[in-house]
Amino acid sequence: MESASLKMISDCFIKPKFVSEEAKKPTYMAPWDLQMLNLTYIQKGLLYSLPQEKKKDFSTTNFVHRLKDSFSDTLTHFHPLAGRLATVKETNPPSVVIFINPDNSPGARFIHASVNLKIDDLLTPTDVPLIVESFFDHHKTVGHDGHQKSLVSIQVTELVDGIFVGCSMSHTVADGTSFWHFFNSLSQVFLSKPIAPPVLKRWVPEGIDPIITLPFTHEDEYVNRPNPPLVRQRIFHLNPNAMAKLKAKVNSECNTTRISTLQTLLAVIWRCVIRARRFPAEKETSCRLPVNVRSRLSPPLPEHYFGNAIQTIGIKATVGELLDHSIGWAAMQLHELVVNYGDKQIREYVDSWVKKPIVHKMDVIYDGVGVSMSSSPKSDMYGVEFGLGKGVAVLCGNAMKFDAKVSLNAGRPRDGEGLMDVDLSLLPETMARFETDQEFMRLVQL
């Protein structure tokens, strides 16, 4: 498989089928968007099986043509994605305004490629093969690059017995919730079904100018390109019975019923990663996770608010505290962190950011000390079908590969409802120890 390489078939740009007067106006971004300028693009996609009997009646040429047409239709509703970022420099005081400019953009990108591999070549190896990185556009691209590169790209990659449809989207213009809303909408349009239109008006606190200026004179002051170490990436399929038993045990131990499956799982992963790193007991470590703030604001944002509406929250503990206590202790800390994060905390964060804007740096987030979670298994990932039936796997691109990056995806449909897959990246020596930790591995469906 190492010799397998991608063959490019076609590459073009797609514009919205219809351009409204509203779509001709610039889109100014919220604080949550602007702080993401250094983050790599979101890269997720689905692998579909095309067995021999199905392949006889399937035309890739027709599929690609129809998908391009559906892409154009979908961009009519999600028109900011067809633009490019633009920067206007102010002199008094020295600052910049970064926004989405619909003018002079060739549109969103569409790539058609093929690779001489089978589905089993991708799913059988223990680690996610490196070739998967080439199934996505925007390799190692950060949000700021949206000045020159498309804000969203769709790539169709033909396999011997299947098809992979990958979507790459700038994290500066959308979070995971909006990413999956777009991807599902594209699938619905492809199937000639109605979609839930996105709400494109960006949120800023009352009394704040919606055109936010950043206190920089040059991009070098805030653009920071990550150079992460080489990691191993593995997908673990969770055993629902084992997970349910552990969740019940943790809740019983903490005398509650409210600790969620996700909080329980994250507590286990945090403990096992830190144990595998062999840090000394006095070293401080952290666990971070994103919180969708749409429903937590008062009044709440619309369900289909398009953009970033997440804030990252976290807890810290010394290695000794984390490992000397039970899983329940860590799960309870995470639970209290999440349930107590509401309108007051959200507004305090945004207000402080507006007074002193910062742009996140990836090498600060992934510091080799903490564990960071992204993505939500609640997203309707396997609802993206394109008439091909349910996908057989959700796969991520290079954007998800940092040491101790945990991406939680919806479980494979064939394994039953309500499951989660853990897509985990770790340094090779850390992964080797993590794989032997029974506290985590007893939760895995082998």
Protein backbone atom coordinates (compact mmCIF):
# COMPACT_ATOMS: atom_id res chain seq x y z
CA MET A 1 0.00 0.00 0.00
CA GLU A 2 2.92 2.36 0.59
CA SER A 3 3.39 2.48 -3.19
CA ALA A 4 -0.25 3.49 -3.76
CA SER A 5 -0.63 7.07 -4.89
CA LEU A 6 -3.51 9.31 -5.81
CA LYS A 7 -4.29 9.93 -9.45
CA MET A 8 -5.93 13.27 -10.18
CA ILE A 9 -8.77 13.09 -12.70
CA SER A 10 -10.23 16.61 -12.58
CA ASP A 11 -10.10 19.78 -10.53
CA CYS A 12 -12.41 22.79 -10.80
CA PHE A 13 -14.16 25.54 -8.87
CA ILE A 14 -17.89 25.68 -8.23
CA LYS A 15 -19.97 28.81 -7.71
CA PRO A 16 -23.46 29.14 -6.20
CA LYS A 17 -26.19 28.42 -8.74
CA PHE A 18 -28.06 31.59 -7.74
CA VAL A 19 -26.54 34.71 -6.19
CA SER A 20 -28.93 36.82 -4.13
CA GLU A 21 -28.36 40.48 -3.28
CA GLU A 22 -27.50 39.36 0.25
CA ALA A 23 -24.83 37.00 -1.11
CA LYS A 24 -23.08 39.94 -2.80
CA LYS A 25 -22.36 41.57 0.57
CA PRO A 26 -19.30 40.83 2.71
CA THR A 27 -19.71 38.55 5.74
CA TYR A 28 -18.18 39.94 8.92
CA MET A 29 -17.12 37.35 11.43
CA ALA A 30 -17.81 36.78 15.10
CA PRO A 31 -15.11 36.61 17.81
CA TRP A 32 -15.42 32.80 17.77
CA ASP A 33 -14.50 32.81 14.05
CA LEU A 34 -11.58 35.24 14.22
CA GLN A 35 -9.83 33.38 17.02
CA MET A 36 -9.65 30.33 14.70
CA LEU A 37 -7.41 31.93 12.04
CA ASN A 38 -4.49 29.62 12.91
CA LEU A 39 -6.47 26.40 13.16
CA THR A 40 -6.18 23.83 10.40
CA TYR A 41 -9.20 23.12 8.21
CA ILE A 42 -11.80 20.60 9.38
CA GLN A 43 -11.26 17.47 7.24
CA LYS A 44 -13.81 14.68 7.51
CA GLY A 45 -15.30 12.32 5.01
CA LEU A 46 -17.18 9.08 4.50
CA LEU A 47 -16.14 5.82 2.90
CA TYR A 48 -18.83 4.00 0.91
CA SER A 49 -18.82 0.41 -0.25
CA LEU A 50 -19.69 -0.37 -3.86
CA PRO A 51 -19.92 -4.17 -4.11
CA GLN A 52 -19.49 -5.76 -7.53
CA GLU A 53 -23.23 -6.15 -8.13
CA LYS A 54 -23.85 -2.50 -7.26
CA LYS A 55 -20.88 -1.26 -9.28
CA LYS A 56 -22.33 -2.65 -12.53
CA ASP A 57 -25.18 -0.12 -12.36
CA PHE A 58 -23.04 2.72 -11.00
CA SER A 59 -21.46 5.44 -13.14
CA THR A 60 -18.79 7.48 -11.37
CA THR A 61 -18.96 10.06 -14.16
CA ASN A 62 -22.68 10.58 -13.57
CA PHE A 63 -22.19 10.63 -9.79
CA VAL A 64 -19.47 13.31 -10.02
CA HIS A 65 -21.51 15.42 -12.46
CA ARG A 66 -24.57 15.28 -10.22
CA LEU A 67 -22.54 16.02 -7.10
CA LYS A 68 -21.03 19.12 -8.72
CA ASP A 69 -24.51 20.33 -9.60
CA SER A 70 -25.72 19.65 -6.04
CA PHE A 71 -22.66 21.47 -4.67
CA SER A 72 -23.58 24.55 -6.70
CA ASP A 73 -27.18 24.36 -5.44
CA THR A 74 -26.07 23.95 -1.82
CA LEU A 75 -23.67 26.91 -2.04
CA THR A 76 -26.68 29.08 -2.95
CA HIS A 77 -27.79 28.62 0.68
CA PHE A 78 -24.28 28.57 2.22
CA HIS A 79 -22.95 31.39 0.04
CA PRO A 80 -20.12 32.62 2.35
CA LEU A 81 -18.33 29.34 1.62
CA ALA A 82 -17.93 30.37 -2.03
CA GLY A 83 -15.95 33.50 -1.06
CA ARG A 84 -12.43 34.17 0.14
CA LEU A 85 -11.05 35.92 3.19
CA ALA A 86 -9.97 39.51 2.73
CA THR A 87 -8.08 41.93 4.97
CA VAL A 88 -8.50 45.69 5.17
CA LYS A 89 -5.77 47.56 7.05
CA GLU A 90 -6.70 50.51 9.23
CA THR A 91 -4.14 53.14 10.20
CA ASN A 92 -5.76 54.93 13.14
CA PRO A 93 -5.22 53.00 15.29
CA PRO A 94 -3.12 50.40 13.39
CA SER A 95 -5.39 47.36 13.02
CA VAL A 96 -6.91 44.94 10.54
CA VAL A 97 -10.45 43.88 9.64
CA ILE A 98 -10.71 40.33 8.27
CA PHE A 99 -13.95 39.30 6.57
CA ILE A 100 -15.38 36.97 3.92
CA ASN A 101 -15.37 38.68 0.55
CA PRO A 102 -17.72 37.32 -2.15
CA ASP A 103 -16.00 39.33 -4.91
CA ASN A 104 -13.28 38.04 -7.21
CA SER A 105 -13.48 34.47 -5.88
CA PRO A 106 -13.45 31.49 -8.25
CA GLY A 107 -15.74 29.70 -5.78
CA ALA A 108 -15.45 26.46 -3.82
CA ARG A 109 -13.15 23.68 -5.04
CA PHE A 110 -14.17 20.26 -6.38
CA ILE A 111 -11.65 17.47 -6.95
CA HIS A 112 -12.12 14.07 -8.57
CA ALA A 113 -9.36 11.50 -8.04
CA SER A 114 -8.76 7.75 -7.90
CA VAL A 115 -6.50 5.34 -6.05
CA ASN A 116 -5.80 1.66 -6.70
CA LEU A 117 -6.85 0.48 -3.25
CA LYS A 118 -9.72 -1.47 -1.73
CA ILE A 119 -11.78 -0.56 1.32
CA ASP A 120 -10.05 -3.29 3.33
CA ASP A 121 -6.69 -1.68 2.58
CA LEU A 122 -7.90 1.35 4.53
CA LEU A 123 -9.82 -0.33 7.35
CA THR A 124 -7.82 -3.49 8.09
CA PRO A 125 -4.50 -1.91 9.23
CA THR A 126 -4.22 -1.05 12.93
CA ASP A 127 -3.29 2.55 12.17
CA VAL A 128 -5.09 4.84 9.71
CA PRO A 129 -2.92 4.67 6.55
CA LEU A 130 -1.12 7.86 5.54
CA ILE A 131 -2.68 7.68 2.05
CA VAL A 132 -5.98 8.86 3.63
CA GLU A 133 -4.42 12.33 4.01
CA SER A 134 -4.46 12.66 0.20
CA PHE A 135 -8.25 12.11 0.13
CA PHE A 136 -8.70 15.71 1.30
CA ASP A 137 -7.86 19.12 -0.08
CA HIS A 138 -6.12 21.76 2.09
CA HIS A 139 -3.31 19.61 3.42
CA LYS A 140 -1.70 21.48 6.36
CA THR A 141 -3.69 24.61 5.48
CA VAL A 142 -4.66 27.05 8.25
CA GLY A 143 -7.64 29.40 8.35
CA HIS A 144 -5.67 32.48 7.34
CA ASP A 145 -4.82 30.75 4.04
CA GLY A 146 -8.47 31.28 3.10
CA HIS A 147 -7.29 34.57 1.61
CA GLN A 148 -5.94 32.53 -1.33
CA LYS A 149 -7.54 29.11 -0.97
CA SER A 150 -11.14 27.94 -1.09
CA LEU A 151 -13.09 27.99 2.18
CA VAL A 152 -14.60 24.59 1.39
CA SER A 153 -13.59 21.75 -0.93
CA ILE A 154 -15.24 18.46 -1.85
CA GLN A 155 -13.05 15.61 -3.05
CA VAL A 156 -14.39 12.38 -4.56
CA THR A 157 -11.82 9.57 -4.55
CA GLU A 158 -12.61 6.37 -6.44
CA LEU A 159 -11.42 3.09 -4.91
CA VAL A 160 -11.47 -0.36 -6.51
CA ASP A 161 -14.61 -1.34 -4.58
CA GLY A 162 -15.87 1.94 -3.15
CA ILE A 163 -15.90 5.71 -3.09
CA PHE A 164 -14.65 8.22 -0.54
CA VAL A 165 -16.28 11.65 -0.33
CA GLY A 166 -14.16 14.06 1.70
CA CYS A 167 -15.06 17.58 2.80
CA SER A 168 -12.49 20.13 3.90
CA MET A 169 -13.74 23.38 5.44
CA SER A 170 -12.07 26.38 7.01
CA HIS A 171 -12.39 26.34 10.80
CA THR A 172 -12.38 30.13 10.62
CA VAL A 173 -15.83 30.10 9.01
CA ALA A 174 -17.44 27.04 10.65
CA ASP A 175 -17.32 24.68 13.61
CA GLY A 176 -18.12 20.96 13.58
CA THR A 177 -21.87 21.53 13.97
CA SER A 178 -21.95 23.82 10.93
CA PHE A 179 -19.60 21.51 9.00
CA TRP A 180 -21.98 18.56 9.36
CA HIS A 181 -25.02 20.75 8.66
CA PHE A 182 -23.42 21.71 5.33
CA PHE A 183 -22.29 18.16 4.48
CA ASN A 184 -25.73 16.72 5.30
CA SER A 185 -27.39 19.50 3.29
CA LEU A 186 -25.21 18.63 0.28
CA SER A 187 -26.35 15.02 0.56
CA GLN A 188 -30.01 16.07 0.89
CA VAL A 189 -29.80 18.33 -2.17
CA PHE A 190 -28.18 15.45 -4.08
CA LEU A 191 -31.22 13.31 -3.18
CA SER A 192 -33.64 16.16 -4.12
CA LYS A 193 -34.78 16.49 -0.50
CA PRO A 194 -35.43 19.74 1.41
CA ILE A 195 -32.77 21.19 3.70
CA ALA A 196 -32.82 23.30 6.85
CA PRO A 197 -31.40 26.65 5.65
CA PRO A 198 -28.43 27.99 7.62
CA VAL A 199 -28.72 31.18 9.67
CA LEU A 200 -25.82 33.22 8.29
CA LYS A 201 -26.00 36.37 10.46
CA ARG A 202 -23.05 36.23 12.84
CA TRP A 203 -23.52 36.84 16.56
CA VAL A 204 -21.77 39.58 18.51
CA PRO A 205 -22.76 40.79 21.99
CA GLU A 206 -25.18 43.72 22.23
CA GLY A 207 -23.42 47.05 21.94
CA ILE A 208 -20.41 45.61 20.08
CA ASP A 209 -19.59 46.80 16.57
CA PRO A 210 -20.24 43.81 14.25
CA ILE A 211 -17.17 44.82 12.25
CA ILE A 212 -14.45 43.67 14.64
CA THR A 213 -10.96 45.11 14.32
CA LEU A 214 -7.91 43.09 15.35
CA PRO A 215 -5.01 45.05 16.93
CA PHE A 216 -2.35 43.87 14.47
CA THR A 217 -0.34 45.66 11.81
CA HIS A 218 0.95 42.58 10.00
CA GLU A 219 -0.12 38.94 9.70
CA ASP A 220 3.25 37.81 11.13
CA GLU A 221 2.00 39.09 14.49
CA TYR A 222 -0.73 36.47 14.70
CA VAL A 223 -0.29 33.77 12.00
CA ASN A 224 1.35 30.70 13.49
CA ARG A 225 1.77 27.54 11.41
CA PRO A 226 1.90 24.35 13.44
CA ASN A 227 4.70 21.84 12.84
CA PRO A 228 3.50 18.85 14.86
CA PRO A 229 5.66 15.78 15.48
CA LEU A 230 4.92 12.53 13.63
CA VAL A 231 2.13 10.64 15.36
CA ARG A 232 0.27 7.38 15.01
CA GLN A 233 -3.46 7.67 14.31
CA ARG A 234 -5.80 4.87 15.37
CA ILE A 235 -9.57 4.45 15.34
CA PHE A 236 -10.98 2.48 18.29
CA HIS A 237 -14.55 1.14 18.04
CA LEU A 238 -16.18 1.18 21.47
CA ASN A 239 -18.07 -1.75 22.97
CA PRO A 240 -21.50 -0.35 23.94
CA ASN A 241 -22.09 -2.85 26.76
CA ALA A 242 -18.71 -2.21 28.37
CA MET A 243 -19.22 1.55 28.05
CA ALA A 244 -22.73 1.38 29.59
CA LYS A 245 -21.43 -0.64 32.56
CA LEU A 246 -18.60 1.80 33.22
CA LYS A 247 -20.93 4.79 32.99
CA ALA A 248 -23.31 3.15 35.51
CA LYS A 249 -20.40 2.35 37.84
CA VAL A 250 -19.05 5.91 37.66
CA ASN A 251 -22.48 7.44 38.35
CA SER A 252 -23.07 5.08 41.26
CA GLU A 253 -19.68 5.88 42.76
CA CYS A 254 -20.40 9.63 42.50
CA ASN A 255 -23.95 9.23 43.81
CA THR A 256 -25.53 10.76 40.68
CA THR A 257 -27.12 9.72 37.39
CA ARG A 258 -26.01 12.73 35.38
CA ILE A 259 -22.46 11.93 34.29
CA SER A 260 -22.68 11.27 30.55
CA THR A 261 -21.12 8.53 28.45
CA LEU A 262 -18.91 11.14 26.79
CA GLN A 263 -17.69 12.56 30.11
CA THR A 264 -16.95 9.04 31.37
CA LEU A 265 -15.07 8.15 28.19
CA LEU A 266 -13.04 11.36 28.17
CA ALA A 267 -12.02 10.77 31.80
CA VAL A 268 -10.72 7.30 30.88
CA ILE A 269 -8.82 8.55 27.83
CA TRP A 270 -7.27 11.41 29.81
CA ARG A 271 -6.06 9.02 32.54
CA CYS A 272 -4.72 6.43 30.09
CA VAL A 273 -2.89 8.95 27.88
CA ILE A 274 -1.24 10.55 30.90
CA ARG A 275 -0.31 7.13 32.29
CA ALA A 276 1.21 6.21 28.91
CA ARG A 277 3.27 9.42 28.88
CA ARG A 278 4.90 8.41 32.18
CA PHE A 279 4.93 11.90 33.60
CA PRO A 280 6.06 12.47 37.21
CA ALA A 281 3.29 12.76 39.82
CA GLU A 282 3.81 16.50 40.40
CA LYS A 283 3.47 17.49 36.72
CA GLU A 284 0.32 19.45 35.86
CA THR A 285 -1.82 18.18 33.01
CA SER A 286 -5.10 19.28 31.44
CA CYS A 287 -8.13 18.00 29.59
CA ARG A 288 -9.87 20.32 27.13
CA LEU A 289 -13.13 19.98 25.25
CA PRO A 290 -15.25 22.26 23.07
CA VAL A 291 -18.71 23.36 24.22
CA ASN A 292 -21.42 24.18 21.70
CA VAL A 293 -22.81 27.47 23.01
CA ARG A 294 -25.85 27.74 20.70
CA SER A 295 -28.33 26.48 23.28
CA ARG A 296 -26.40 27.81 26.30
CA LEU A 297 -26.75 31.49 25.44
CA SER A 298 -29.82 33.36 26.66
CA PRO A 299 -31.63 33.89 24.39
CA PRO A 300 -30.22 30.86 22.53
CA LEU A 301 -28.76 31.06 19.06
CA PRO A 302 -30.75 29.35 16.29
CA GLU A 303 -30.08 25.60 15.99
CA HIS A 304 -28.77 26.12 12.45
CA TYR A 305 -26.61 29.16 13.22
CA PHE A 306 -23.78 28.86 10.69
CA GLY A 307 -20.28 29.70 11.86
CA ASN A 308 -18.29 28.97 14.98
CA ALA A 309 -20.33 28.84 18.16
CA ILE A 310 -17.95 26.93 20.40
CA GLN A 311 -15.75 27.78 23.33
CA THR A 312 -13.04 25.48 24.61
CA ILE A 313 -13.13 24.76 28.33
CA GLY A 314 -10.87 22.58 30.41
CA ILE A 315 -9.72 21.35 33.78
CA LYS A 316 -6.26 20.86 35.23
CA ALA A 317 -4.90 18.31 37.67
CA THR A 318 -1.49 17.01 38.63
CA VAL A 319 -0.64 13.54 37.36
CA GLY A 320 -0.78 12.30 40.95
CA GLU A 321 -4.28 13.70 41.52
CA LEU A 322 -5.56 12.27 38.26
CA LEU A 323 -4.16 8.75 38.67
CA ASP A 324 -4.54 8.38 42.45
CA HIS A 325 -8.25 9.14 42.24
CA SER A 326 -10.79 6.94 40.44
CA ILE A 327 -12.24 7.40 36.94
CA GLY A 328 -15.34 8.77 38.68
CA TRP A 329 -13.35 11.65 40.17
CA ALA A 330 -12.13 12.81 36.75
CA ALA A 331 -15.55 12.23 35.14
CA MET A 332 -17.24 14.30 37.86
CA GLN A 333 -14.77 17.17 37.34
CA LEU A 334 -15.59 17.16 33.61
CA HIS A 335 -19.33 16.90 34.28
CA GLU A 336 -19.35 19.90 36.63
CA LEU A 337 -17.24 21.90 34.20
CA VAL A 338 -19.71 21.30 31.36
CA VAL A 339 -23.02 21.73 33.23
CA ASN A 340 -21.90 24.95 34.92
CA TYR A 341 -20.87 26.62 31.68
CA GLY A 342 -23.73 28.92 30.70
CA ASP A 343 -24.72 32.33 29.39
CA LYS A 344 -22.75 34.26 32.03
CA GLN A 345 -19.45 32.45 31.35
CA ILE A 346 -19.92 32.64 27.58
CA ARG A 347 -20.52 36.39 27.61
CA GLU A 348 -17.67 37.04 30.03
CA TYR A 349 -15.30 35.20 27.69
CA VAL A 350 -16.51 37.02 24.55
CA ASP A 351 -16.46 40.42 26.28
CA SER A 352 -12.88 39.88 27.48
CA TRP A 353 -11.85 38.66 24.00
CA VAL A 354 -13.30 41.76 22.32
CA LYS A 355 -11.28 43.97 24.70
CA LYS A 356 -8.09 41.99 24.03
CA PRO A 357 -8.42 39.78 20.92
CA ILE A 358 -6.21 36.71 20.64
CA VAL A 359 -5.77 34.17 17.86
CA HIS A 360 -5.34 30.59 19.08
CA LYS A 361 -2.01 28.89 18.42
CA MET A 362 -2.09 25.17 17.70
CA ASP A 363 1.24 24.48 19.43
CA VAL A 364 -0.21 26.01 22.60
CA ILE A 365 -3.38 23.92 22.42
CA TYR A 366 -1.47 20.71 21.68
CA ASP A 367 1.32 21.24 24.17
CA GLY A 368 2.32 17.60 24.76
CA VAL A 369 1.04 17.86 28.32
CA GLY A 370 -2.75 17.87 28.00
CA VAL A 371 -5.43 15.96 26.11
CA SER A 372 -7.75 17.82 23.70
CA MET A 373 -11.06 16.57 22.37
CA SER A 374 -12.86 17.74 19.26
CA SER A 375 -15.87 16.73 17.21
CA SER A 376 -19.13 15.38 18.58
CA PRO A 377 -20.60 11.90 18.11
CA LYS A 378 -24.02 13.60 18.25
CA SER A 379 -23.47 14.98 14.73
CA ASP A 380 -25.39 13.11 12.06
CA MET A 381 -22.29 11.85 10.29
CA TYR A 382 -23.77 8.74 8.71
CA GLY A 383 -26.77 10.72 7.47
CA VAL A 384 -24.49 11.84 4.63
CA GLU A 385 -25.39 9.18 2.04
CA PHE A 386 -25.56 10.60 -1.53
CA GLY A 387 -27.75 7.64 -2.50
CA LEU A 388 -24.87 5.24 -1.75
CA GLY A 389 -26.36 3.85 1.45
CA LYS A 390 -24.75 4.28 4.87
CA GLY A 391 -21.01 4.83 4.86
CA VAL A 392 -18.77 2.15 6.33
CA ALA A 393 -16.41 4.58 8.10
CA VAL A 394 -15.78 8.21 8.95
CA LEU A 395 -12.16 9.14 8.30
CA CYS A 396 -10.22 12.33 9.10
CA GLY A 397 -7.38 14.04 7.29
CA ASN A 398 -4.04 15.39 8.43
CA ALA A 399 -5.77 18.29 10.21
CA MET A 400 -6.71 15.98 13.05
CA LYS A 401 -3.18 14.72 13.73
CA PHE A 402 -1.65 16.26 16.82
CA ASP A 403 -0.28 14.52 19.88
CA ALA A 404 -3.18 13.60 22.19
CA LYS A 405 -5.86 14.83 19.80
CA VAL A 406 -9.09 12.93 20.48
CA SER A 407 -11.75 13.11 17.79
CA LEU A 408 -15.05 11.47 18.74
CA ASN A 409 -17.11 10.28 15.79
CA ALA A 410 -20.46 8.56 15.52
CA GLY A 411 -20.04 4.77 15.56
CA ARG A 412 -20.39 2.65 12.44
CA PRO A 413 -24.07 1.89 11.70
CA ARG A 414 -23.38 -1.83 11.37
CA ASP A 415 -22.28 -1.90 15.02
CA GLY A 416 -25.63 -0.64 16.30
CA GLU A 417 -27.05 2.68 17.45
CA GLY A 418 -25.59 5.07 19.98
CA LEU A 419 -21.98 4.09 19.54
CA MET A 420 -18.84 6.20 19.38
CA ASP A 421 -15.57 5.76 17.56
CA VAL A 422 -12.45 7.24 19.13
CA ASP A 423 -10.03 8.63 16.54
CA LEU A 424 -6.85 9.16 18.53
CA SER A 425 -3.42 10.49 17.58
CA LEU A 426 -0.41 9.95 19.84
CA LEU A 427 3.37 9.90 19.62
CA PRO A 428 4.40 6.36 18.57
CA GLU A 429 5.98 5.42 21.93
CA THR A 430 2.95 6.78 23.81
CA MET A 431 0.51 4.90 21.56
CA ALA A 432 2.41 1.64 22.10
CA ARG A 433 1.87 1.95 25.87
CA PHE A 434 -1.71 3.25 25.50
CA GLU A 435 -2.67 0.16 23.48
CA THR A 436 -1.76 -2.09 26.41
CA ASP A 437 -3.70 -0.12 29.04
CA GLN A 438 -6.60 -2.32 30.05
CA GLU A 439 -8.55 0.56 31.62
CA PHE A 440 -9.21 1.78 28.06
CA MET A 441 -8.83 -1.39 26.00
CA ARG A 442 -11.60 -3.22 27.91
CA LEU A 443 -13.99 -0.64 26.42
CA VAL A 444 -12.91 -1.44 22.86
CA GLN A 445 -14.68 -3.71 20.41
CA LEU A 446 -11.88 -5.78 18.87
